[in-house]
Amino acid sequence: MDISAKFGKRVRAIRLKKQMSQGDVAKKLGVNAVYISQIERGLKNMSLRGIERLAKALGVSIAKLIK
C-alpha cells in the first residue's frame, strides 16, 4: 500500500470515529465531497497546508492525522 492510500485510510478512520460524513469535512474545508472521497481512496494528494486544514476540520493534531 502506498503512502497516499495509507493516509487516506487514516483520514477515513478518523472521520468515521468522529461520526462525520465526507460532506461534513468537505464543508469545513470549502471543497467538494468528491475530493474528500478521492483523498480517502488515495487518488489525490494534499499539500502540507491542506493537511493542516484537514487536521483542524477533523479536530485532531497533524501528528495524529499522519501517524
C-alpha atoms as a PDB file:
ATOM      1  CA  MET A   1       0.000   0.000   0.000  1.00  0.00           C
ATOM      2  CA  ASP A   2       1.453   3.369  -0.983  1.00  0.00           C
ATOM      3  CA  ILE A   3       1.623   6.460   1.216  1.00  0.00           C
ATOM      4  CA  SER A   4      -1.448   8.105  -0.362  1.00  0.00           C
ATOM      5  CA  ALA A   5      -3.589   5.040   0.307  1.00  0.00           C
ATOM      6  CA  LYS A   6      -2.301   4.784   3.893  1.00  0.00           C
ATOM      7  CA  PHE A   7      -3.002   8.462   4.505  1.00  0.00           C
ATOM      8  CA  GLY A   8      -6.486   8.162   3.004  1.00  0.00           C
ATOM      9  CA  LYS A   9      -7.277   5.135   5.135  1.00  0.00           C
ATOM     10  CA  ARG A  10      -6.216   7.091   8.235  1.00  0.00           C
ATOM     11  CA  VAL A  11      -8.350  10.089   7.238  1.00  0.00           C
ATOM     12  CA  ARG A  12     -11.376   7.838   6.746  1.00  0.00           C
ATOM     13  CA  ALA A  13     -10.863   6.079  10.090  1.00  0.00           C
ATOM     14  CA  ILE A  14     -10.621   9.374  11.977  1.00  0.00           C
ATOM     15  CA  ARG A  15     -13.605  10.838  10.102  1.00  0.00           C
ATOM     16  CA  LEU A  16     -15.758   7.819  10.946  1.00  0.00           C
ATOM     17  CA  LYS A  17     -14.622   7.830  14.583  1.00  0.00           C
ATOM     18  CA  LYS A  18     -15.732  11.471  14.776  1.00  0.00           C
ATOM     19  CA  GLN A  19     -19.048  10.440  13.161  1.00  0.00           C
ATOM     20  CA  MET A  20     -18.590  12.906  10.320  1.00  0.00           C
ATOM     21  CA  SER A  21     -19.658  12.443   6.715  1.00  0.00           C
ATOM     22  CA  GLN A  22     -17.439  13.279   3.790  1.00  0.00           C
ATOM     23  CA  GLY A  23     -19.808  16.177   3.189  1.00  0.00           C
ATOM     24  CA  ASP A  24     -19.260  17.491   6.721  1.00  0.00           C
ATOM     25  CA  VAL A  25     -15.495  17.515   6.230  1.00  0.00           C
ATOM     26  CA  ALA A  26     -15.787  18.978   2.743  1.00  0.00           C
ATOM     27  CA  LYS A  27     -17.980  21.821   4.015  1.00  0.00           C
ATOM     28  CA  LYS A  28     -15.430  22.733   6.701  1.00  0.00           C
ATOM     29  CA  LEU A  29     -12.655  22.759   4.093  1.00  0.00           C
ATOM     30  CA  GLY A  30     -14.653  24.541   1.410  1.00  0.00           C
ATOM     31  CA  VAL A  31     -14.212  21.695  -1.075  1.00  0.00           C
ATOM     32  CA  ASN A  32     -16.423  19.122  -2.773  1.00  0.00           C
ATOM     33  CA  ALA A  33     -17.187  15.811  -1.025  1.00  0.00           C
ATOM     34  CA  VAL A  34     -15.838  14.039  -4.121  1.00  0.00           C
ATOM     35  CA  TYR A  35     -12.406  15.480  -3.309  1.00  0.00           C
ATOM     36  CA  ILE A  36     -12.560  14.027   0.223  1.00  0.00           C
ATOM     37  CA  SER A  37     -13.546  10.682  -1.261  1.00  0.00           C
ATOM     38  CA  GLN A  38     -10.577  10.817  -3.623  1.00  0.00           C
ATOM     39  CA  ILE A  39      -8.217  11.581  -0.736  1.00  0.00           C
ATOM     40  CA  GLU A  40      -9.608   8.688   1.290  1.00  0.00           C
ATOM     41  CA  ARG A  41      -9.128   6.325  -1.657  1.00  0.00           C
ATOM     42  CA  GLY A  42      -5.554   7.505  -2.207  1.00  0.00           C
ATOM     43  CA  LEU A  43      -6.327   9.052  -5.576  1.00  0.00           C
ATOM     44  CA  LYS A  44      -5.457  12.648  -4.624  1.00  0.00           C
ATOM     45  CA  ASN A  45      -2.595  14.097  -2.630  1.00  0.00           C
ATOM     46  CA  MET A  46      -2.859  17.050  -0.278  1.00  0.00           C
ATOM     47  CA  SER A  47      -0.429  19.886   0.252  1.00  0.00           C
ATOM     48  CA  LEU A  48       1.012  20.475   3.709  1.00  0.00           C
ATOM     49  CA  ARG A  49      -1.361  23.398   4.168  1.00  0.00           C
ATOM     50  CA  GLY A  50      -4.239  21.169   3.110  1.00  0.00           C
ATOM     51  CA  ILE A  51      -3.212  18.557   5.658  1.00  0.00           C
ATOM     52  CA  GLU A  52      -3.111  21.253   8.325  1.00  0.00           C
ATOM     53  CA  ARG A  53      -6.617  22.423   7.390  1.00  0.00           C
ATOM     54  CA  LEU A  54      -7.887  18.831   7.296  1.00  0.00           C
ATOM     55  CA  ALA A  55      -6.486  18.144  10.768  1.00  0.00           C
ATOM     56  CA  LYS A  56      -8.283  21.219  12.111  1.00  0.00           C
ATOM     57  CA  ALA A  57     -11.538  20.210  10.385  1.00  0.00           C
ATOM     58  CA  LEU A  58     -11.319  16.764  11.980  1.00  0.00           C
ATOM     59  CA  GLY A  59     -10.317  18.197  15.361  1.00  0.00           C
ATOM     60  CA  VAL A  60      -7.033  16.277  15.599  1.00  0.00           C
ATOM     61  CA  SER A  61      -3.360  17.154  15.537  1.00  0.00           C
ATOM     62  CA  ILE A  62      -1.365  16.875  12.344  1.00  0.00           C
ATOM     63  CA  ALA A  63       0.731  14.204  14.065  1.00  0.00           C
ATOM     64  CA  LYS A  64      -2.341  12.083  14.758  1.00  0.00           C
ATOM     65  CA  LEU A  65      -3.514  12.507  11.205  1.00  0.00           C
ATOM     66  CA  ILE A  66      -0.241  11.355   9.643  1.00  0.00           C
ATOM     67  CA  LYS A  67       0.657   8.753  12.274  1.00  0.00           C
END
